[in-house]
N, C-alpha and C. Protein backbone atom coordinates (compact mmCIF):
# COMPACT_ATOMS: atom_id res chain seq x y z
N MET A 1 33.20 36.53 18.34
CA MET A 1 32.68 35.23 18.64
C MET A 1 31.23 35.10 18.21
N SER A 2 30.44 36.15 18.41
CA SER A 2 29.02 36.09 18.08
C SER A 2 28.85 36.01 16.57
N ARG A 3 29.71 36.61 15.79
CA ARG A 3 29.67 36.51 14.29
C ARG A 3 29.92 35.10 13.86
N VAL A 4 30.91 34.39 14.53
CA VAL A 4 31.16 33.02 14.19
C VAL A 4 29.98 32.15 14.39
N LEU A 5 29.34 32.33 15.59
CA LEU A 5 28.19 31.55 15.88
C LEU A 5 26.96 31.89 14.89
N LEU A 6 26.85 33.12 14.51
CA LEU A 6 25.83 33.51 13.58
C LEU A 6 26.08 32.86 12.18
N LEU A 7 27.36 32.94 11.76
CA LEU A 7 27.67 32.33 10.45
C LEU A 7 27.56 30.79 10.49
N THR A 8 27.87 30.22 11.58
CA THR A 8 27.71 28.73 11.68
C THR A 8 26.25 28.40 11.66
N GLY A 9 25.43 29.16 12.36
CA GLY A 9 24.01 28.89 12.37
C GLY A 9 23.42 29.02 10.96
N LEU A 10 23.84 30.11 10.28
CA LEU A 10 23.34 30.29 8.91
C LEU A 10 23.74 29.19 8.01
N SER A 11 24.97 28.77 8.16
CA SER A 11 25.46 27.64 7.31
C SER A 11 24.69 26.41 7.54
N CYS A 12 24.36 26.10 8.78
CA CYS A 12 23.50 24.94 9.08
C CYS A 12 22.11 25.05 8.42
N LEU A 13 21.57 26.20 8.47
CA LEU A 13 20.25 26.42 7.82
C LEU A 13 20.30 26.19 6.35
N VAL A 14 21.35 26.63 5.72
CA VAL A 14 21.51 26.46 4.23
C VAL A 14 21.60 24.92 3.96
N VAL A 15 22.37 24.22 4.76
CA VAL A 15 22.56 22.76 4.48
C VAL A 15 21.27 22.05 4.71
N VAL A 16 20.50 22.36 5.77
CA VAL A 16 19.24 21.75 6.06
C VAL A 16 18.25 22.13 4.93
N GLY A 17 18.28 23.32 4.45
CA GLY A 17 17.38 23.73 3.37
C GLY A 17 17.65 22.98 2.10
N ALA A 18 18.90 22.79 1.79
CA ALA A 18 19.28 22.03 0.57
C ALA A 18 18.82 20.58 0.70
N ALA A 19 19.00 19.96 1.86
CA ALA A 19 18.62 18.59 2.10
C ALA A 19 17.08 18.51 1.91
N ASN A 20 16.32 19.41 2.54
CA ASN A 20 14.89 19.38 2.39
C ASN A 20 14.48 19.54 0.95
N SER A 21 15.14 20.38 0.17
CA SER A 21 14.80 20.58 -1.20
C SER A 21 15.06 19.27 -2.00
N ARG A 22 16.11 18.58 -1.70
CA ARG A 22 16.43 17.28 -2.37
C ARG A 22 15.38 16.29 -2.06
N GLU A 23 14.94 16.22 -0.82
CA GLU A 23 13.88 15.27 -0.44
C GLU A 23 12.56 15.58 -1.10
N GLU A 24 12.25 16.90 -1.25
CA GLU A 24 11.01 17.24 -1.96
C GLU A 24 11.13 16.89 -3.43
N SER A 25 12.31 17.06 -4.01
CA SER A 25 12.53 16.72 -5.39
C SER A 25 12.33 15.19 -5.59
N VAL A 26 12.97 14.43 -4.72
CA VAL A 26 12.80 12.99 -4.85
C VAL A 26 11.27 12.57 -4.66
N SER A 27 10.64 13.18 -3.78
CA SER A 27 9.22 12.91 -3.50
C SER A 27 8.35 13.25 -4.72
N ALA A 28 8.64 14.34 -5.37
CA ALA A 28 7.88 14.72 -6.57
C ALA A 28 8.17 13.73 -7.71
N GLN A 29 9.43 13.35 -7.88
CA GLN A 29 9.75 12.40 -8.90
C GLN A 29 9.08 11.04 -8.59
N PHE A 30 9.06 10.61 -7.30
CA PHE A 30 8.37 9.40 -6.94
C PHE A 30 6.94 9.46 -7.29
N GLN A 31 6.23 10.48 -6.91
CA GLN A 31 4.78 10.60 -7.14
C GLN A 31 4.50 10.51 -8.68
N LYS A 32 5.28 11.17 -9.47
CA LYS A 32 5.05 11.19 -10.96
C LYS A 32 5.27 9.80 -11.49
N MET A 33 6.36 9.18 -11.15
CA MET A 33 6.66 7.88 -11.68
C MET A 33 5.70 6.81 -11.24
N TYR A 34 5.30 6.91 -9.93
CA TYR A 34 4.29 6.00 -9.38
C TYR A 34 3.06 6.05 -10.14
N ALA A 35 2.58 7.21 -10.40
CA ALA A 35 1.28 7.39 -11.18
C ALA A 35 1.42 6.82 -12.56
N GLU A 36 2.52 7.05 -13.20
CA GLU A 36 2.73 6.49 -14.57
C GLU A 36 2.80 5.00 -14.55
N TYR A 37 3.53 4.40 -13.62
CA TYR A 37 3.65 2.95 -13.54
C TYR A 37 2.38 2.28 -13.21
N LEU A 38 1.62 2.90 -12.30
CA LEU A 38 0.36 2.39 -11.88
C LEU A 38 -0.68 2.34 -13.03
N GLU A 39 -0.68 3.48 -13.75
CA GLU A 39 -1.58 3.56 -14.91
C GLU A 39 -1.27 2.53 -15.94
N ALA A 40 0.04 2.40 -16.26
CA ALA A 40 0.43 1.41 -17.30
C ALA A 40 0.09 -0.01 -16.86
N CYS A 41 0.31 -0.34 -15.58
CA CYS A 41 0.03 -1.66 -15.09
C CYS A 41 -1.48 -1.93 -15.13
N MET A 42 -2.29 -1.02 -14.74
CA MET A 42 -3.76 -1.23 -14.74
C MET A 42 -4.34 -1.39 -16.14
N LYS A 43 -3.67 -0.84 -17.15
CA LYS A 43 -4.10 -1.02 -18.52
C LYS A 43 -3.91 -2.49 -18.98
N ASP A 44 -3.03 -3.18 -18.34
CA ASP A 44 -2.80 -4.59 -18.74
C ASP A 44 -3.81 -5.56 -18.19
N TRP A 45 -4.63 -5.15 -17.25
CA TRP A 45 -5.71 -6.06 -16.71
C TRP A 45 -6.81 -6.30 -17.67
N ASP A 46 -7.32 -7.56 -17.71
CA ASP A 46 -8.52 -7.81 -18.44
C ASP A 46 -9.26 -8.99 -17.73
N ASN A 47 -10.48 -9.30 -18.17
CA ASN A 47 -11.27 -10.28 -17.45
C ASN A 47 -10.64 -11.73 -17.49
N ALA A 48 -9.77 -11.93 -18.45
CA ALA A 48 -9.22 -13.32 -18.54
C ALA A 48 -8.03 -13.60 -17.62
N THR A 49 -7.62 -12.54 -16.87
CA THR A 49 -6.52 -12.76 -15.94
C THR A 49 -6.98 -13.65 -14.80
N HIS A 50 -5.96 -14.19 -14.08
CA HIS A 50 -6.32 -15.06 -12.93
C HIS A 50 -6.63 -14.29 -11.69
N MET A 51 -6.58 -12.95 -11.76
CA MET A 51 -6.81 -12.13 -10.60
C MET A 51 -7.99 -11.20 -10.79
N THR A 52 -8.64 -10.87 -9.70
CA THR A 52 -9.72 -9.88 -9.77
C THR A 52 -9.05 -8.50 -10.03
N LYS A 53 -9.90 -7.56 -10.40
CA LYS A 53 -9.33 -6.25 -10.72
C LYS A 53 -8.77 -5.57 -9.39
N SER A 54 -9.40 -5.76 -8.27
CA SER A 54 -8.85 -5.28 -6.98
C SER A 54 -7.55 -5.93 -6.63
N GLN A 55 -7.46 -7.25 -6.86
CA GLN A 55 -6.17 -7.96 -6.58
C GLN A 55 -5.09 -7.41 -7.52
N TRP A 56 -5.45 -7.26 -8.74
CA TRP A 56 -4.48 -6.71 -9.73
C TRP A 56 -3.99 -5.31 -9.30
N ARG A 57 -4.95 -4.46 -8.89
CA ARG A 57 -4.58 -3.13 -8.43
C ARG A 57 -3.66 -3.14 -7.28
N ARG A 58 -3.88 -4.03 -6.31
CA ARG A 58 -2.94 -4.08 -5.15
C ARG A 58 -1.58 -4.46 -5.63
N THR A 59 -1.52 -5.43 -6.51
CA THR A 59 -0.22 -5.85 -7.06
C THR A 59 0.47 -4.68 -7.81
N CYS A 60 -0.31 -4.01 -8.66
CA CYS A 60 0.22 -2.89 -9.38
C CYS A 60 0.73 -1.78 -8.47
N GLU A 61 -0.04 -1.50 -7.36
CA GLU A 61 0.39 -0.50 -6.44
C GLU A 61 1.74 -0.86 -5.81
N ARG A 62 1.90 -2.12 -5.43
CA ARG A 62 3.13 -2.57 -4.84
C ARG A 62 4.27 -2.41 -5.77
N VAL A 63 4.11 -2.97 -6.98
CA VAL A 63 5.21 -2.91 -7.98
C VAL A 63 5.47 -1.51 -8.39
N ALA A 64 4.51 -0.73 -8.61
CA ALA A 64 4.71 0.68 -9.02
C ALA A 64 5.47 1.44 -7.93
N GLY A 65 5.15 1.19 -6.70
CA GLY A 65 5.80 1.83 -5.56
C GLY A 65 7.28 1.44 -5.48
N GLU A 66 7.58 0.15 -5.70
CA GLU A 66 8.93 -0.32 -5.66
C GLU A 66 9.73 0.24 -6.79
N ARG A 67 9.14 0.24 -7.97
CA ARG A 67 9.91 0.77 -9.18
C ARG A 67 10.14 2.33 -9.00
N ALA A 68 9.12 3.03 -8.66
CA ALA A 68 9.28 4.47 -8.48
C ALA A 68 10.26 4.87 -7.38
N LYS A 69 10.23 4.11 -6.30
CA LYS A 69 11.21 4.39 -5.21
C LYS A 69 12.62 4.19 -5.67
N PHE A 70 12.86 3.06 -6.37
CA PHE A 70 14.20 2.79 -6.87
C PHE A 70 14.62 3.86 -7.83
N ARG A 71 13.81 4.17 -8.78
CA ARG A 71 14.17 5.20 -9.80
C ARG A 71 14.38 6.54 -9.16
N ALA A 72 13.53 6.95 -8.23
CA ALA A 72 13.69 8.28 -7.58
C ALA A 72 14.97 8.31 -6.77
N GLU A 73 15.28 7.24 -6.07
CA GLU A 73 16.53 7.19 -5.28
C GLU A 73 17.79 7.25 -6.21
N GLN A 74 17.69 6.65 -7.31
CA GLN A 74 18.86 6.54 -8.23
C GLN A 74 19.05 7.81 -9.05
N GLY A 75 17.96 8.63 -9.17
CA GLY A 75 18.09 9.82 -9.92
C GLY A 75 18.37 9.63 -11.39
N ASP A 76 19.37 10.36 -11.88
CA ASP A 76 19.72 10.25 -13.29
C ASP A 76 20.60 9.05 -13.62
N GLN A 77 20.95 8.27 -12.55
CA GLN A 77 21.84 7.17 -12.82
C GLN A 77 21.15 6.04 -13.58
N VAL A 78 19.85 5.95 -13.49
CA VAL A 78 19.07 4.90 -14.12
C VAL A 78 18.31 5.49 -15.33
N LYS A 79 18.62 5.04 -16.51
CA LYS A 79 17.91 5.61 -17.68
C LYS A 79 16.80 4.62 -18.05
N PRO A 80 15.66 5.10 -18.47
CA PRO A 80 14.58 4.26 -18.96
C PRO A 80 14.96 3.49 -20.15
N LYS A 81 14.44 2.29 -20.33
CA LYS A 81 14.78 1.45 -21.46
C LYS A 81 14.18 2.07 -22.72
N GLN A 82 15.00 2.20 -23.77
CA GLN A 82 14.41 2.73 -25.05
C GLN A 82 13.79 1.65 -25.79
N GLN A 83 12.63 1.96 -26.37
CA GLN A 83 11.85 0.92 -27.13
C GLN A 83 12.03 1.11 -28.57
């Protein structure tokens, strides 16, 4: 009986470890994509826009976060648009 409990406990640890690894992977993907999207968005700002640079940054941060979250959650299912 104690072996069954031990094996069950170890199995649970493996499952939890795999889930944590997946979350870390998604988080790393999110951070990378967020930084890329934010940088690209900020390059589009200039003095002729109808927004201040700080307003533009806030908008870029929101949009970059939404895009990165979606892409990270979808994983390989969403392919970037080829130019």
